[in-house]
C-alpha atoms as a PDB file:
ATOM      1  CA  MET A   1     -30.159  -2.046 -31.452  1.00  0.00           C
ATOM      2  CA  SER A   2     -32.141  -5.190 -31.027  1.00  0.00           C
ATOM      3  CA  THR A   3     -30.976  -8.201 -29.362  1.00  0.00           C
ATOM      4  CA  PRO A   4     -29.072 -10.724 -31.370  1.00  0.00           C
ATOM      5  CA  PRO A   5     -30.916 -14.120 -32.312  1.00  0.00           C
ATOM      6  CA  VAL A   6     -27.453 -16.083 -30.656  1.00  0.00           C
ATOM      7  CA  GLU A   7     -26.237 -14.690 -27.470  1.00  0.00           C
ATOM      8  CA  ILE A   8     -22.190 -13.194 -28.176  1.00  0.00           C
ATOM      9  CA  PRO A   9     -19.638 -14.422 -27.815  1.00  0.00           C
ATOM     10  CA  VAL A  10     -19.834 -17.430 -29.190  1.00  0.00           C
ATOM     11  CA  THR A  11     -17.450 -20.192 -30.639  1.00  0.00           C
ATOM     12  CA  TRP A  12     -18.412 -22.892 -32.780  1.00  0.00           C
ATOM     13  CA  ALA A  13     -15.741 -25.675 -32.972  1.00  0.00           C
ATOM     14  CA  PRO A  14     -15.680 -29.346 -32.938  1.00  0.00           C
ATOM     15  CA  ARG A  15     -15.127 -30.763 -29.769  1.00  0.00           C
ATOM     16  CA  ARG A  16     -15.158 -33.948 -30.288  1.00  0.00           C
ATOM     17  CA  THR A  17     -12.455 -33.731 -32.755  1.00  0.00           C
ATOM     18  CA  ARG A  18     -10.122 -32.111 -30.292  1.00  0.00           C
ATOM     19  CA  VAL A  19     -10.998 -34.073 -27.275  1.00  0.00           C
ATOM     20  CA  VAL A  20      -9.485 -36.915 -29.162  1.00  0.00           C
ATOM     21  CA  LEU A  21      -6.776 -35.431 -31.254  1.00  0.00           C
ATOM     22  CA  LEU A  22      -5.182 -33.505 -28.232  1.00  0.00           C
ATOM     23  CA  PRO A  23      -4.596 -36.983 -25.938  1.00  0.00           C
ATOM     24  CA  VAL A  24      -3.678 -38.476 -29.281  1.00  0.00           C
ATOM     25  CA  CYS A  25      -1.167 -36.360 -30.153  1.00  0.00           C
ATOM     26  CA  ALA A  26       0.309 -36.411 -26.147  1.00  0.00           C
ATOM     27  CA  LEU A  27       0.461 -40.143 -26.659  1.00  0.00           C
ATOM     28  CA  LEU A  28       2.145 -39.661 -30.287  1.00  0.00           C
ATOM     29  CA  VAL A  29       4.836 -37.942 -29.101  1.00  0.00           C
ATOM     30  CA  ALA A  30       5.110 -40.100 -26.067  1.00  0.00           C
ATOM     31  CA  LEU A  31       5.307 -43.198 -28.406  1.00  0.00           C
ATOM     32  CA  PHE A  32       7.880 -42.196 -30.462  1.00  0.00           C
ATOM     33  CA  VAL A  33      10.244 -40.829 -27.091  1.00  0.00           C
ATOM     34  CA  VAL A  34       9.512 -44.420 -25.860  1.00  0.00           C
ATOM     35  CA  LEU A  35      10.353 -45.772 -29.340  1.00  0.00           C
ATOM     36  CA  ALA A  36      13.639 -43.868 -29.486  1.00  0.00           C
ATOM     37  CA  MET A  37      14.770 -44.833 -26.078  1.00  0.00           C
ATOM     38  CA  LEU A  38      14.332 -48.536 -26.900  1.00  0.00           C
ATOM     39  CA  LEU A  39      15.993 -48.601 -30.401  1.00  0.00           C
ATOM     40  CA  PRO A  40      18.989 -51.246 -30.578  1.00  0.00           C
ATOM     41  CA  ALA A  41      22.548 -49.990 -29.371  1.00  0.00           C
ATOM     42  CA  SER A  42      23.306 -49.816 -32.931  1.00  0.00           C
ATOM     43  CA  TRP A  43      21.245 -46.952 -33.757  1.00  0.00           C
ATOM     44  CA  GLN A  44      23.034 -43.836 -33.243  1.00  0.00           C
ATOM     45  CA  LEU A  45      21.738 -40.229 -31.381  1.00  0.00           C
ATOM     46  CA  ASN A  46      20.975 -38.649 -34.795  1.00  0.00           C
ATOM     47  CA  ASP A  47      18.729 -41.278 -35.763  1.00  0.00           C
ATOM     48  CA  ARG A  48      16.921 -41.160 -31.815  1.00  0.00           C
ATOM     49  CA  ILE A  49      16.408 -37.599 -32.355  1.00  0.00           C
ATOM     50  CA  MET A  50      14.822 -37.967 -35.476  1.00  0.00           C
ATOM     51  CA  MET A  51      12.622 -40.437 -34.136  1.00  0.00           C
ATOM     52  CA  ILE A  52      11.548 -38.167 -31.577  1.00  0.00           C
ATOM     53  CA  ALA A  53      11.313 -35.413 -33.881  1.00  0.00           C
ATOM     54  CA  SER A  54       8.733 -37.407 -36.509  1.00  0.00           C
ATOM     55  CA  GLY A  55       6.532 -38.090 -33.150  1.00  0.00           C
ATOM     56  CA  VAL A  56       6.191 -34.197 -32.731  1.00  0.00           C
ATOM     57  CA  LEU A  57       6.067 -33.278 -36.356  1.00  0.00           C
ATOM     58  CA  PHE A  58       3.105 -36.437 -36.553  1.00  0.00           C
ATOM     59  CA  ALA A  59       1.538 -34.445 -33.248  1.00  0.00           C
ATOM     60  CA  GLY A  60       2.185 -30.752 -34.780  1.00  0.00           C
ATOM     61  CA  VAL A  61      -0.412 -32.346 -37.540  1.00  0.00           C
ATOM     62  CA  GLY A  62      -3.007 -33.295 -35.538  1.00  0.00           C
ATOM     63  CA  LEU A  63      -2.750 -30.086 -33.606  1.00  0.00           C
ATOM     64  CA  MET A  64      -3.437 -28.215 -37.046  1.00  0.00           C
ATOM     65  CA  LEU A  65      -6.529 -30.482 -37.383  1.00  0.00           C
ATOM     66  CA  ALA A  66      -7.677 -29.728 -34.125  1.00  0.00           C
ATOM     67  CA  ARG A  67      -7.465 -26.074 -34.265  1.00  0.00           C
ATOM     68  CA  PRO A  68     -10.627 -24.738 -36.772  1.00  0.00           C
ATOM     69  CA  ARG A  69     -12.968 -22.582 -34.798  1.00  0.00           C
ATOM     70  CA  VAL A  70     -15.605 -19.562 -35.511  1.00  0.00           C
ATOM     71  CA  SER A  71     -16.125 -17.317 -33.190  1.00  0.00           C
ATOM     72  CA  ALA A  72     -18.278 -14.119 -33.181  1.00  0.00           C
ATOM     73  CA  ASP A  73     -18.411 -11.398 -31.316  1.00  0.00           C
ATOM     74  CA  ALA A  74     -20.444  -7.763 -31.270  1.00  0.00           C
ATOM     75  CA  GLU A  75     -17.619  -6.584 -34.015  1.00  0.00           C
ATOM     76  CA  GLY A  76     -17.545  -9.620 -35.873  1.00  0.00           C
ATOM     77  CA  VAL A  77     -16.217 -13.019 -37.015  1.00  0.00           C
ATOM     78  CA  THR A  78     -13.224 -14.629 -36.616  1.00  0.00           C
ATOM     79  CA  VAL A  79     -12.740 -17.763 -38.224  1.00  0.00           C
ATOM     80  CA  VAL A  80      -9.057 -20.131 -37.444  1.00  0.00           C
ATOM     81  CA  ASN A  81      -8.888 -22.968 -39.880  1.00  0.00           C
ATOM     82  CA  PHE A  82      -6.474 -25.502 -39.969  1.00  0.00           C
ATOM     83  CA  VAL A  83      -3.292 -23.158 -41.197  1.00  0.00           C
ATOM     84  CA  ARG A  84      -4.914 -19.741 -41.486  1.00  0.00           C
ATOM     85  CA  SER A  85      -7.127 -17.415 -39.421  1.00  0.00           C
ATOM     86  CA  ARG A  86      -8.956 -13.874 -40.369  1.00  0.00           C
ATOM     87  CA  ARG A  87     -10.782 -11.575 -39.042  1.00  0.00           C
ATOM     88  CA  LEU A  88     -14.206 -10.411 -40.494  1.00  0.00           C
ATOM     89  CA  ALA A  89     -16.131  -7.032 -39.442  1.00  0.00           C
ATOM     90  CA  TRP A  90     -19.925  -8.147 -39.806  1.00  0.00           C
ATOM     91  CA  ALA A  91     -20.553  -6.092 -42.799  1.00  0.00           C
ATOM     92  CA  GLU A  92     -17.526  -7.964 -44.975  1.00  0.00           C
ATOM     93  CA  ILE A  93     -20.150 -11.205 -44.939  1.00  0.00           C
ATOM     94  CA  VAL A  94     -22.385 -11.538 -47.351  1.00  0.00           C
ATOM     95  CA  ARG A  95     -24.140 -15.056 -46.795  1.00  0.00           C
ATOM     96  CA  VAL A  96     -23.740 -18.263 -45.187  1.00  0.00           C
ATOM     97  CA  ASN A  97     -23.512 -21.278 -46.957  1.00  0.00           C
ATOM     98  CA  PHE A  98     -23.895 -24.757 -45.925  1.00  0.00           C
ATOM     99  CA  ARG A  99     -25.101 -26.976 -48.944  1.00  0.00           C
ATOM    100  CA  GLN A 100     -26.327 -30.563 -48.673  1.00  0.00           C
ATOM    101  CA  GLY A 101     -22.435 -32.437 -49.092  1.00  0.00           C
ATOM    102  CA  ASP A 102     -20.171 -29.574 -47.669  1.00  0.00           C
ATOM    103  CA  PRO A 103     -17.762 -31.005 -45.274  1.00  0.00           C
ATOM    104  CA  TRP A 104     -18.058 -27.604 -43.484  1.00  0.00           C
ATOM    105  CA  ALA A 105     -19.944 -23.809 -44.051  1.00  0.00           C
ATOM    106  CA  THR A 106     -18.339 -21.366 -46.409  1.00  0.00           C
ATOM    107  CA  LEU A 107     -18.910 -17.594 -46.086  1.00  0.00           C
ATOM    108  CA  ASP A 108     -19.429 -15.511 -48.935  1.00  0.00           C
ATOM    109  CA  LEU A 109     -17.837 -12.328 -48.804  1.00  0.00           C
ATOM    110  CA  ALA A 110     -18.147  -8.699 -50.304  1.00  0.00           C
ATOM    111  CA  ASP A 111     -15.490  -9.194 -52.221  1.00  0.00           C
ATOM    112  CA  GLY A 112     -16.904 -11.423 -54.003  1.00  0.00           C
ATOM    113  CA  THR A 113     -14.777 -14.117 -52.264  1.00  0.00           C
ATOM    114  CA  SER A 114     -15.482 -17.067 -50.090  1.00  0.00           C
ATOM    115  CA  LEU A 115     -14.171 -18.340 -46.891  1.00  0.00           C
ATOM    116  CA  ALA A 116     -14.722 -21.938 -45.508  1.00  0.00           C
ATOM    117  CA  ALA A 117     -15.549 -21.736 -41.993  1.00  0.00           C
ATOM    118  CA  VAL A 118     -14.260 -24.986 -40.906  1.00  0.00           C
ATOM    119  CA  GLY A 119     -15.249 -24.873 -37.531  1.00  0.00           C
ATOM    120  CA  ILE A 120     -18.579 -25.470 -38.773  1.00  0.00           C
ATOM    121  CA  GLN A 121     -18.089 -28.785 -39.984  1.00  0.00           C
ATOM    122  CA  SER A 122     -20.742 -32.084 -40.429  1.00  0.00           C
ATOM    123  CA  GLY A 123     -18.392 -34.414 -39.385  1.00  0.00           C
ATOM    124  CA  VAL A 124     -19.819 -33.663 -35.473  1.00  0.00           C
ATOM    125  CA  GLY A 125     -23.253 -34.508 -36.478  1.00  0.00           C
ATOM    126  CA  LYS A 126     -25.002 -33.191 -39.366  1.00  0.00           C
ATOM    127  CA  ALA A 127     -27.784 -31.686 -37.066  1.00  0.00           C
ATOM    128  CA  GLN A 128     -25.259 -29.647 -34.862  1.00  0.00           C
ATOM    129  CA  ALA A 129     -23.530 -28.277 -38.018  1.00  0.00           C
ATOM    130  CA  ILE A 130     -26.600 -27.330 -39.453  1.00  0.00           C
ATOM    131  CA  ALA A 131     -27.911 -25.488 -36.810  1.00  0.00           C
ATOM    132  CA  ASP A 132     -24.624 -23.763 -36.165  1.00  0.00           C
ATOM    133  CA  ALA A 133     -24.444 -22.545 -39.611  1.00  0.00           C
ATOM    134  CA  ARG A 134     -28.241 -21.528 -39.057  1.00  0.00           C
ATOM    135  CA  ALA A 135     -27.418 -19.805 -36.062  1.00  0.00           C
ATOM    136  CA  LEU A 136     -23.849 -17.695 -37.532  1.00  0.00           C
ATOM    137  CA  ARG A 137     -26.640 -16.972 -40.399  1.00  0.00           C
ATOM    138  CA  ASP A 138     -29.248 -15.262 -38.253  1.00  0.00           C
ATOM    139  CA  LEU A 139     -26.600 -13.216 -36.742  1.00  0.00           C
ATOM    140  CA  VAL A 140     -24.926 -12.314 -40.017  1.00  0.00           C
ATOM    141  CA  GLU A 141     -28.749 -11.155 -41.228  1.00  0.00           C
ATOM    142  CA  HIS A 142     -29.531  -9.492 -37.607  1.00  0.00           C
ATOM    143  CA  HIS A 143     -25.933  -7.453 -37.857  1.00  0.00           C
ATOM    144  CA  ALA A 144     -26.543  -6.333 -41.699  1.00  0.00           C
ATOM    145  CA  GLN A 145     -29.828  -4.965 -40.417  1.00  0.00           C
ATOM    146  CA  VAL A 146     -28.488  -2.888 -37.386  1.00  0.00           C
END
């Protein structure tokens, strides 16, 4: 068996997005807790609880935005998007696409569908996203030959 073009296991994720979003989410929760404590006395307990719940809800959305990643190992690829994740065997992936203007890479699958791979996105830098998509494409081609 030949050596894969990229050393696996490998994970592609928009790290800068995570570095920004995780502290912002913590700050949101802390801010809403402080706001709930500083509300005027005329506000009731349920109002304060809803204020804190709003902060937790906003932080939850931020954490969902920080979730995307694409991981490859010897058996296949795991695509984790905002809400769902999917495990794919190498044979299920026909092609990796990352066309000019696309916000993220897409995987054409053997069943005729396509799957967004949001973990490889142009928002972190176009050159890096292109390199990541090419690395995944090379892995797909390598495993198609094996």
